[in-house]
């Protein structure tokens, strides 16, 4: 494994999980996918690791929609790959 790539979802538009979901089986390098939620990635980087928390909102129709952490991943120095925390 050479690198890890994190791709966030849109936060301001509804997604279409029915379109993208079936393609996942043809892309074995994708380790995590959820096309039903909207949000953004919050990343923290220091000398030992990169931590990426997927923050999701309950709805895209309100600017004050509640948010929560849906999944967290870490890439540790010297250890290849992204590893899910929760």
PDB file of N, CA and C in Angstrom:
ATOM      1  N   UNK A   1       0.849  -1.169   0.000  1.00  0.00           N
ATOM      2  CA  UNK A   1       0.000   0.000   0.000  1.00  0.00           C
ATOM      3  C   UNK A   1       0.894   1.230   0.000  1.00  0.00           C
ATOM      4  N   UNK A   2       0.628   2.138  -0.910  1.00  0.00           N
ATOM      5  CA  UNK A   2       1.453   3.329  -1.048  1.00  0.00           C
ATOM      6  C   UNK A   2       0.871   4.517  -0.305  1.00  0.00           C
ATOM      7  N   UNK A   3      -0.438   4.680  -0.366  1.00  0.00           N
ATOM      8  CA  UNK A   3      -1.052   5.866   0.234  1.00  0.00           C
ATOM      9  C   UNK A   3      -2.491   5.583   0.613  1.00  0.00           C
ATOM     10  N   UNK A   4      -3.031   6.425   1.467  1.00  0.00           N
ATOM     11  CA  UNK A   4      -4.449   6.375   1.820  1.00  0.00           C
ATOM     12  C   UNK A   4      -5.096   7.649   1.316  1.00  0.00           C
ATOM     13  N   UNK A   5      -6.294   7.520   0.792  1.00  0.00           N
ATOM     14  CA  UNK A   5      -7.028   8.674   0.281  1.00  0.00           C
ATOM     15  C   UNK A   5      -8.381   8.745   0.974  1.00  0.00           C
ATOM     16  N   UNK A   6      -8.721   9.939   1.453  1.00  0.00           N
ATOM     17  CA  UNK A   6     -10.017  10.169   2.072  1.00  0.00           C
ATOM     18  C   UNK A   6     -10.819  11.073   1.151  1.00  0.00           C
ATOM     19  N   UNK A   7     -12.044  10.679   0.885  1.00  0.00           N
ATOM     20  CA  UNK A   7     -12.931  11.457   0.030  1.00  0.00           C
ATOM     21  C   UNK A   7     -14.207  11.698   0.815  1.00  0.00           C
ATOM     22  N   UNK A   8     -14.542  12.950   1.009  1.00  0.00           N
ATOM     23  CA  UNK A   8     -15.742  13.293   1.762  1.00  0.00           C
ATOM     24  C   UNK A   8     -16.969  13.356   0.885  1.00  0.00           C
ATOM     25  N   UNK A   9     -18.093  13.372   1.525  1.00  0.00           N
ATOM     26  CA  UNK A   9     -19.368  13.488   0.847  1.00  0.00           C
ATOM     27  C   UNK A   9     -19.742  14.963   0.712  1.00  0.00           C
ATOM     28  N   UNK A  10     -20.767  15.236  -0.040  1.00  0.00           N
ATOM     29  CA  UNK A  10     -21.253  16.612  -0.128  1.00  0.00           C
ATOM     30  C   UNK A  10     -21.966  16.956   1.170  1.00  0.00           C
ATOM     31  N   UNK A  11     -21.993  18.230   1.508  1.00  0.00           N
ATOM     32  CA  UNK A  11     -22.708  18.639   2.714  1.00  0.00           C
ATOM     33  C   UNK A  11     -23.952  19.456   2.378  1.00  0.00           C
ATOM     34  N   UNK A  12     -24.064  19.896   1.146  1.00  0.00           N
ATOM     35  CA  UNK A  12     -25.182  20.788   0.814  1.00  0.00           C
ATOM     36  C   UNK A  12     -26.170  20.207  -0.200  1.00  0.00           C
ATOM     37  N   UNK A  13     -25.987  18.968  -0.609  1.00  0.00           N
ATOM     38  CA  UNK A  13     -26.935  18.375  -1.552  1.00  0.00           C
ATOM     39  C   UNK A  13     -27.240  16.940  -1.163  1.00  0.00           C
ATOM     40  N   UNK A  14     -28.393  16.487  -1.537  1.00  0.00           N
ATOM     41  CA  UNK A  14     -28.764  15.095  -1.266  1.00  0.00           C
ATOM     42  C   UNK A  14     -27.971  14.178  -2.170  1.00  0.00           C
ATOM     43  N   UNK A  15     -27.629  13.021  -1.686  1.00  0.00           N
ATOM     44  CA  UNK A  15     -26.857  12.066  -2.467  1.00  0.00           C
ATOM     45  C   UNK A  15     -27.752  11.095  -3.207  1.00  0.00           C
ATOM     46  N   UNK A  16     -27.129  10.190  -3.904  1.00  0.00           N
ATOM     47  CA  UNK A  16     -27.851   9.175  -4.646  1.00  0.00           C
ATOM     48  C   UNK A  16     -27.146   7.839  -4.439  1.00  0.00           C
ATOM     49  N   UNK A  17     -27.358   7.239  -3.267  1.00  0.00           N
ATOM     50  CA  UNK A  17     -26.687   5.986  -2.909  1.00  0.00           C
ATOM     51  C   UNK A  17     -27.022   4.860  -3.876  1.00  0.00           C
ATOM     52  N   UNK A  18     -28.203   4.905  -4.476  1.00  0.00           N
ATOM     53  CA  UNK A  18     -28.601   3.848  -5.408  1.00  0.00           C
ATOM     54  C   UNK A  18     -27.710   3.834  -6.641  1.00  0.00           C
ATOM     55  N   UNK A  19     -27.151   4.979  -7.018  1.00  0.00           N
ATOM     56  CA  UNK A  19     -26.277   5.050  -8.189  1.00  0.00           C
ATOM     57  C   UNK A  19     -24.878   4.549  -7.850  1.00  0.00           C
ATOM     58  N   UNK A  20     -24.314   5.026  -6.757  1.00  0.00           N
ATOM     59  CA  UNK A  20     -22.926   4.716  -6.425  1.00  0.00           C
ATOM     60  C   UNK A  20     -22.753   3.406  -5.660  1.00  0.00           C
ATOM     61  N   UNK A  21     -23.687   3.053  -4.819  1.00  0.00           N
ATOM     62  CA  UNK A  21     -23.575   1.854  -3.999  1.00  0.00           C
ATOM     63  C   UNK A  21     -23.251   0.585  -4.768  1.00  0.00           C
ATOM     64  N   UNK A  22     -23.960   0.294  -5.870  1.00  0.00           N
ATOM     65  CA  UNK A  22     -23.674  -0.935  -6.613  1.00  0.00           C
ATOM     66  C   UNK A  22     -22.281  -0.985  -7.229  1.00  0.00           C
ATOM     67  N   UNK A  23     -21.622   0.157  -7.386  1.00  0.00           N
ATOM     68  CA  UNK A  23     -20.289   0.188  -7.984  1.00  0.00           C
ATOM     69  C   UNK A  23     -19.189  -0.225  -7.006  1.00  0.00           C
ATOM     70  N   UNK A  24     -19.479  -0.243  -5.723  1.00  0.00           N
ATOM     71  CA  UNK A  24     -18.473  -0.527  -4.705  1.00  0.00           C
ATOM     72  C   UNK A  24     -17.848  -1.906  -4.909  1.00  0.00           C
ATOM     73  N   UNK A  25     -18.636  -2.909  -5.282  1.00  0.00           N
ATOM     74  CA  UNK A  25     -18.089  -4.262  -5.450  1.00  0.00           C
ATOM     75  C   UNK A  25     -17.066  -4.340  -6.581  1.00  0.00           C
ATOM     76  N   UNK A  26     -17.070  -3.374  -7.475  1.00  0.00           N
ATOM     77  CA  UNK A  26     -16.095  -3.331  -8.571  1.00  0.00           C
ATOM     78  C   UNK A  26     -14.862  -2.497  -8.219  1.00  0.00           C
ATOM     79  N   UNK A  27     -14.819  -1.992  -7.009  1.00  0.00           N
ATOM     80  CA  UNK A  27     -13.719  -1.157  -6.533  1.00  0.00           C
ATOM     81  C   UNK A  27     -13.234  -1.687  -5.188  1.00  0.00           C
ATOM     82  N   UNK A  28     -12.481  -2.786  -5.177  1.00  0.00           N
ATOM     83  CA  UNK A  28     -12.083  -3.423  -3.915  1.00  0.00           C
ATOM     84  C   UNK A  28     -11.168  -2.564  -3.045  1.00  0.00           C
ATOM     85  N   UNK A  29     -10.595  -1.519  -3.595  1.00  0.00           N
ATOM     86  CA  UNK A  29      -9.726  -0.637  -2.817  1.00  0.00           C
ATOM     87  C   UNK A  29     -10.523   0.299  -1.911  1.00  0.00           C
ATOM     88  N   UNK A  30     -11.824   0.408  -2.123  1.00  0.00           N
ATOM     89  CA  UNK A  30     -12.664   1.256  -1.268  1.00  0.00           C
ATOM     90  C   UNK A  30     -12.966   0.481   0.003  1.00  0.00           C
ATOM     91  N   UNK A  31     -12.582   1.048   1.133  1.00  0.00           N
ATOM     92  CA  UNK A  31     -12.733   0.359   2.415  1.00  0.00           C
ATOM     93  C   UNK A  31     -13.994   0.778   3.169  1.00  0.00           C
ATOM     94  N   UNK A  32     -14.537   1.942   2.835  1.00  0.00           N
ATOM     95  CA  UNK A  32     -15.704   2.446   3.553  1.00  0.00           C
ATOM     96  C   UNK A  32     -16.523   3.301   2.604  1.00  0.00           C
ATOM     97  N   UNK A  33     -17.827   3.081   2.591  1.00  0.00           N
ATOM     98  CA  UNK A  33     -18.728   3.882   1.760  1.00  0.00           C
ATOM     99  C   UNK A  33     -20.093   3.936   2.418  1.00  0.00           C
ATOM    100  N   UNK A  34     -20.650   5.124   2.475  1.00  0.00           N
ATOM    101  CA  UNK A  34     -22.030   5.303   2.907  1.00  0.00           C
ATOM    102  C   UNK A  34     -22.589   6.469   2.110  1.00  0.00           C
ATOM    103  N   UNK A  35     -23.407   6.180   1.135  1.00  0.00           N
ATOM    104  CA  UNK A  35     -23.947   7.215   0.259  1.00  0.00           C
ATOM    105  C   UNK A  35     -25.225   7.848   0.747  1.00  0.00           C
ATOM    106  N   UNK A  36     -25.661   7.494   1.945  1.00  0.00           N
ATOM    107  CA  UNK A  36     -26.927   8.026   2.456  1.00  0.00           C
ATOM    108  C   UNK A  36     -26.771   9.211   3.391  1.00  0.00           C
ATOM    109  N   UNK A  37     -25.569   9.513   3.805  1.00  0.00           N
ATOM    110  CA  UNK A  37     -25.347  10.601   4.762  1.00  0.00           C
ATOM    111  C   UNK A  37     -24.589  11.741   4.109  1.00  0.00           C
ATOM    112  N   UNK A  38     -24.731  12.920   4.655  1.00  0.00           N
ATOM    113  CA  UNK A  38     -24.080  14.126   4.144  1.00  0.00           C
ATOM    114  C   UNK A  38     -23.240  14.719   5.255  1.00  0.00           C
ATOM    115  N   UNK A  39     -22.096  15.289   4.877  1.00  0.00           N
ATOM    116  CA  UNK A  39     -21.242  15.886   5.893  1.00  0.00           C
ATOM    117  C   UNK A  39     -19.901  16.322   5.350  1.00  0.00           C
ATOM    118  N   UNK A  40     -18.884  16.195   6.191  1.00  0.00           N
ATOM    119  CA  UNK A  40     -17.534  16.634   5.844  1.00  0.00           C
ATOM    120  C   UNK A  40     -16.527  15.862   6.680  1.00  0.00           C
ATOM    121  N   UNK A  41     -15.274  15.931   6.283  1.00  0.00           N
ATOM    122  CA  UNK A  41     -14.195  15.306   7.041  1.00  0.00           C
ATOM    123  C   UNK A  41     -13.504  16.347   7.908  1.00  0.00           C
ATOM    124  N   UNK A  42     -13.256  16.011   9.144  1.00  0.00           N
ATOM    125  CA  UNK A  42     -12.455  16.836  10.041  1.00  0.00           C
ATOM    126  C   UNK A  42     -11.157  16.077  10.265  1.00  0.00           C
ATOM    127  N   UNK A  43     -10.035  16.648   9.837  1.00  0.00           N
ATOM    128  CA  UNK A  43      -8.747  15.960   9.914  1.00  0.00           C
ATOM    129  C   UNK A  43      -7.813  16.630  10.899  1.00  0.00           C
ATOM    130  N   UNK A  44      -7.067  15.815  11.599  1.00  0.00           N
ATOM    131  CA  UNK A  44      -6.049  16.297  12.531  1.00  0.00           C
ATOM    132  C   UNK A  44      -4.755  15.555  12.219  1.00  0.00           C
ATOM    133  N   UNK A  45      -3.691  16.308  12.026  1.00  0.00           N
ATOM    134  CA  UNK A  45      -2.404  15.740  11.646  1.00  0.00           C
ATOM    135  C   UNK A  45      -1.340  16.138  12.651  1.00  0.00           C
ATOM    136  N   UNK A  46      -0.576  15.156  13.103  1.00  0.00           N
ATOM    137  CA  UNK A  46       0.594  15.461  13.916  1.00  0.00           C
ATOM    138  C   UNK A  46       1.732  14.534  13.470  1.00  0.00           C
ATOM    139  N   UNK A  47       2.826  14.510  14.187  1.00  0.00           N
ATOM    140  CA  UNK A  47       3.998  13.736  13.760  1.00  0.00           C
ATOM    141  C   UNK A  47       3.750  12.231  13.725  1.00  0.00           C
ATOM    142  N   UNK A  48       2.806  11.745  14.490  1.00  0.00           N
ATOM    143  CA  UNK A  48       2.617  10.303  14.593  1.00  0.00           C
ATOM    144  C   UNK A  48       1.436   9.760  13.793  1.00  0.00           C
ATOM    145  N   UNK A  49       0.490  10.638  13.434  1.00  0.00           N
ATOM    146  CA  UNK A  49      -0.677  10.105  12.741  1.00  0.00           C
ATOM    147  C   UNK A  49      -1.528  11.194  12.087  1.00  0.00           C
ATOM    148  N   UNK A  50      -2.391  10.724  11.201  1.00  0.00           N
ATOM    149  CA  UNK A  50      -3.472  11.531  10.638  1.00  0.00           C
ATOM    150  C   UNK A  50      -4.752  10.895  11.125  1.00  0.00           C
ATOM    151  N   UNK A  51      -5.618  11.682  11.695  1.00  0.00           N
ATOM    152  CA  UNK A  51      -6.932  11.194  12.119  1.00  0.00           C
ATOM    153  C   UNK A  51      -7.985  11.926  11.299  1.00  0.00           C
ATOM    154  N   UNK A  52      -8.920  11.160  10.751  1.00  0.00           N
ATOM    155  CA  UNK A  52     -10.001  11.728   9.950  1.00  0.00           C
ATOM    156  C   UNK A  52     -11.326  11.300  10.561  1.00  0.00           C
ATOM    157  N   UNK A  53     -12.128  12.286  10.964  1.00  0.00           N
ATOM    158  CA  UNK A  53     -13.452  12.021  11.532  1.00  0.00           C
ATOM    159  C   UNK A  53     -14.500  12.461  10.520  1.00  0.00           C
ATOM    160  N   UNK A  54     -15.380  11.549  10.144  1.00  0.00           N
ATOM    161  CA  UNK A  54     -16.465  11.867   9.230  1.00  0.00           C
ATOM    162  C   UNK A  54     -17.613  12.451  10.037  1.00  0.00           C
ATOM    163  N   UNK A  55     -17.830  13.746   9.872  1.00  0.00           N
ATOM    164  CA  UNK A  55     -18.911  14.445  10.547  1.00  0.00           C
ATOM    165  C   UNK A  55     -20.124  14.462   9.621  1.00  0.00           C
ATOM    166  N   UNK A  56     -21.281  14.053  10.127  1.00  0.00           N
ATOM    167  CA  UNK A  56     -22.489  14.024   9.306  1.00  0.00           C
ATOM    168  C   UNK A  56     -23.566  14.900   9.935  1.00  0.00           C
ATOM    169  N   UNK A  57     -24.436  15.408   9.079  1.00  0.00           N
ATOM    170  CA  UNK A  57     -25.573  16.208   9.526  1.00  0.00           C
ATOM    171  C   UNK A  57     -26.849  15.399   9.329  1.00  0.00           C
ATOM    172  N   UNK A  58     -27.872  15.723  10.124  1.00  0.00           N
ATOM    173  CA  UNK A  58     -29.122  14.976  10.045  1.00  0.00           C
ATOM    174  C   UNK A  58     -29.945  15.347   8.817  1.00  0.00           C
ATOM    175  N   UNK A  59     -29.754  16.546   8.298  1.00  0.00           N
ATOM    176  CA  UNK A  59     -30.477  16.994   7.117  1.00  0.00           C
ATOM    177  C   UNK A  59     -29.691  18.111   6.428  1.00  0.00           C
ATOM    178  N   UNK A  60     -29.818  18.202   5.118  1.00  0.00           N
ATOM    179  CA  UNK A  60     -29.154  19.289   4.388  1.00  0.00           C
ATOM    180  C   UNK A  60     -30.093  20.461   4.180  1.00  0.00           C
ATOM    181  N   UNK A  61     -31.326  20.340   4.647  1.00  0.00           N
ATOM    182  CA  UNK A  61     -32.311  21.399   4.407  1.00  0.00           C
ATOM    183  C   UNK A  61     -32.313  22.478   5.477  1.00  0.00           C
ATOM    184  N   UNK A  62     -31.505  22.306   6.544  1.00  0.00           N
ATOM    185  CA  UNK A  62     -31.410  23.325   7.590  1.00  0.00           C
ATOM    186  C   UNK A  62     -29.942  23.601   7.897  1.00  0.00           C
ATOM    187  N   UNK A  63     -29.591  24.876   7.927  1.00  0.00           N
ATOM    188  CA  UNK A  63     -28.193  25.239   8.204  1.00  0.00           C
ATOM    189  C   UNK A  63     -27.794  24.958   9.650  1.00  0.00           C
ATOM    190  N   UNK A  64     -28.751  24.818  10.542  1.00  0.00           N
ATOM    191  CA  UNK A  64     -28.447  24.531  11.949  1.00  0.00           C
ATOM    192  C   UNK A  64     -28.701  23.064  12.308  1.00  0.00           C
ATOM    193  N   UNK A  65     -28.661  22.191  11.314  1.00  0.00           N
ATOM    194  CA  UNK A  65     -28.903  20.761  11.554  1.00  0.00           C
ATOM    195  C   UNK A  65     -27.848  20.190  12.494  1.00  0.00           C
ATOM    196  N   UNK A  66     -28.258  19.325  13.399  1.00  0.00           N
ATOM    197  CA  UNK A  66     -27.295  18.688  14.304  1.00  0.00           C
ATOM    198  C   UNK A  66     -26.273  17.852  13.528  1.00  0.00           C
ATOM    199  N   UNK A  67     -25.073  17.777  14.068  1.00  0.00           N
ATOM    200  CA  UNK A  67     -24.020  16.972  13.454  1.00  0.00           C
ATOM    201  C   UNK A  67     -23.486  15.978  14.465  1.00  0.00           C
ATOM    202  N   UNK A  68     -22.884  14.906  13.953  1.00  0.00           N
ATOM    203  CA  UNK A  68     -22.279  13.907  14.824  1.00  0.00           C
ATOM    204  C   UNK A  68     -21.156  13.216  14.067  1.00  0.00           C
ATOM    205  N   UNK A  69     -20.303  12.522  14.821  1.00  0.00           N
ATOM    206  CA  UNK A  69     -19.224  11.752  14.204  1.00  0.00           C
ATOM    207  C   UNK A  69     -19.776  10.390  13.824  1.00  0.00           C
ATOM    208  N   UNK A  70     -19.731  10.077  12.527  1.00  0.00           N
ATOM    209  CA  UNK A  70     -20.275   8.815  12.031  1.00  0.00           C
ATOM    210  C   UNK A  70     -19.203   7.723  11.985  1.00  0.00           C
ATOM    211  N   UNK A  71     -17.978   8.098  11.634  1.00  0.00           N
ATOM    212  CA  UNK A  71     -16.876   7.131  11.570  1.00  0.00           C
ATOM    213  C   UNK A  71     -15.560   7.879  11.732  1.00  0.00           C
ATOM    214  N   UNK A  72     -14.574   7.201  12.282  1.00  0.00           N
ATOM    215  CA  UNK A  72     -13.245   7.780  12.473  1.00  0.00           C
ATOM    216  C   UNK A  72     -12.194   6.796  11.968  1.00  0.00           C
ATOM    217  N   UNK A  73     -11.157   7.359  11.349  1.00  0.00           N
ATOM    218  CA  UNK A  73     -10.066   6.557  10.805  1.00  0.00           C
ATOM    219  C   UNK A  73      -8.741   7.188  11.196  1.00  0.00           C
ATOM    220  N   UNK A  74      -7.708   6.356  11.276  1.00  0.00           N
ATOM    221  CA  UNK A  74      -6.375   6.854  11.580  1.00  0.00           C
ATOM    222  C   UNK A  74      -5.367   6.202  10.633  1.00  0.00           C
ATOM    223  N   UNK A  75      -4.415   7.006  10.197  1.00  0.00           N
ATOM    224  CA  UNK A  75      -3.254   6.510   9.455  1.00  0.00           C
ATOM    225  C   UNK A  75      -2.057   6.829  10.334  1.00  0.00           C
ATOM    226  N   UNK A  76      -1.407   5.781  10.832  1.00  0.00           N
ATOM    227  CA  UNK A  76      -0.297   5.956  11.756  1.00  0.00           C
ATOM    228  C   UNK A  76       1.036   5.948  11.019  1.00  0.00           C
ATOM    229  N   UNK A  77       1.964   6.737  11.516  1.00  0.00           N
ATOM    230  CA  UNK A  77       3.310   6.785  10.951  1.00  0.00           C
ATOM    231  C   UNK A  77       3.927   5.383  11.002  1.00  0.00           C
ATOM    232  N   UNK A  78       4.402   4.908   9.862  1.00  0.00           N
ATOM    233  CA  UNK A  78       5.065   3.618   9.798  1.00  0.00           C
ATOM    234  C   UNK A  78       4.140   2.418   9.676  1.00  0.00           C
ATOM    235  N   UNK A  79       2.842   2.649   9.659  1.00  0.00           N
ATOM    236  CA  UNK A  79       1.869   1.553   9.540  1.00  0.00           C
ATOM    237  C   UNK A  79       0.985   1.833   8.325  1.00  0.00           C
ATOM    238  N   UNK A  80       1.118   1.058   7.267  1.00  0.00           N
ATOM    239  CA  UNK A  80       0.369   1.365   6.045  1.00  0.00           C
ATOM    240  C   UNK A  80      -1.138   1.180   6.196  1.00  0.00           C
ATOM    241  N   UNK A  81      -1.869   2.034   5.516  1.00  0.00           N
ATOM    242  CA  UNK A  81      -3.328   1.911   5.456  1.00  0.00           C
ATOM    243  C   UNK A  81      -4.062   2.710   6.492  1.00  0.00           C
ATOM    244  N   UNK A  82      -5.305   2.996   6.185  1.00  0.00           N
ATOM    245  CA  UNK A  82      -6.199   3.668   7.121  1.00  0.00           C
ATOM    246  C   UNK A  82      -6.910   2.608   7.947  1.00  0.00           C
ATOM    247  N   UNK A  83      -7.036   2.848   9.225  1.00  0.00           N
ATOM    248  CA  UNK A  83      -7.650   1.891  10.134  1.00  0.00           C
ATOM    249  C   UNK A  83      -8.824   2.554  10.838  1.00  0.00           C
ATOM    250  N   UNK A  84      -9.971   1.890  10.813  1.00  0.00           N
ATOM    251  CA  UNK A  84     -11.179   2.446  11.415  1.00  0.00           C
ATOM    252  C   UNK A  84     -11.111   2.379  12.935  1.00  0.00           C
ATOM    253  N   UNK A  85     -11.436   3.484  13.577  1.00  0.00           N
ATOM    254  CA  UNK A  85     -11.453   3.529  15.039  1.00  0.00           C
ATOM    255  C   UNK A  85     -12.814   3.158  15.594  1.00  0.00           C
ATOM    256  N   UNK A  86     -13.855   3.731  15.007  1.00  0.00           N
ATOM    257  CA  UNK A  86     -15.228   3.395  15.436  1.00  0.00           C
ATOM    258  C   UNK A  86     -16.193   3.808  14.381  1.00  0.00           C
TER     259      UNK A  86
END
